[in-house]
C-alpha cells in the first residue's frame, strides 16, 4: 500500500492504461485487493470502462469476493447506470447479473440486484438466456431461489 500511496502522491495517475487496456483498478479488483481498490477509487474519477471488455466489475466478479464489488459500488465515482446495461464479454453480451450467475457466490447476485441490476435482462447475443437459466443449468439452487424472489423469469 505504501508504494501505491507514494506513487499517487507524487504524480502517479490511477487512470494509467497498459498495453492490454487494463488500469490499476482492474488489477486490484482481480487480485481481491480491497484496500488498493479503495485507494485507487478515492484517488479521483478515472475513465475506466465498466461496461465493455474486461471491465472492473467483471474482474471483481471473477475474484468471487463481494468486498471488491462493494468497494466499487461505494465509490462516489461509480456510474450506477452500468448495472442495467448490457456489457460485452468476449463474443457475447452479458449483464453483470448474467455473468455472476455463472459463479458460485449468491451474495454477488444479491449485491447486483440491490444496486439496480435487472434479473430478466436478456441480451440477444447470449442466445436469449437469462441469469435464471444460467443458474439453473449450473444447478445453483440457492441462486435460483434468490433470482426467483427477485421476479426473474
Foldseek 3Di string as FASTA:
>chain_A
DVVLVVLLVVPHAQQDADPVRDGPLQVCLLVVPLVSNLVSLVSDAYPFDQAEDSGNLNSNLNSVDVSSVVSLVPRPNRDLVRQQDWYDYPQATHHSLLSSLLPQHLVNNVVSVVSPHQQADADVRVVRDTSLNSNVVVPNVVNNVVSVVSVYD
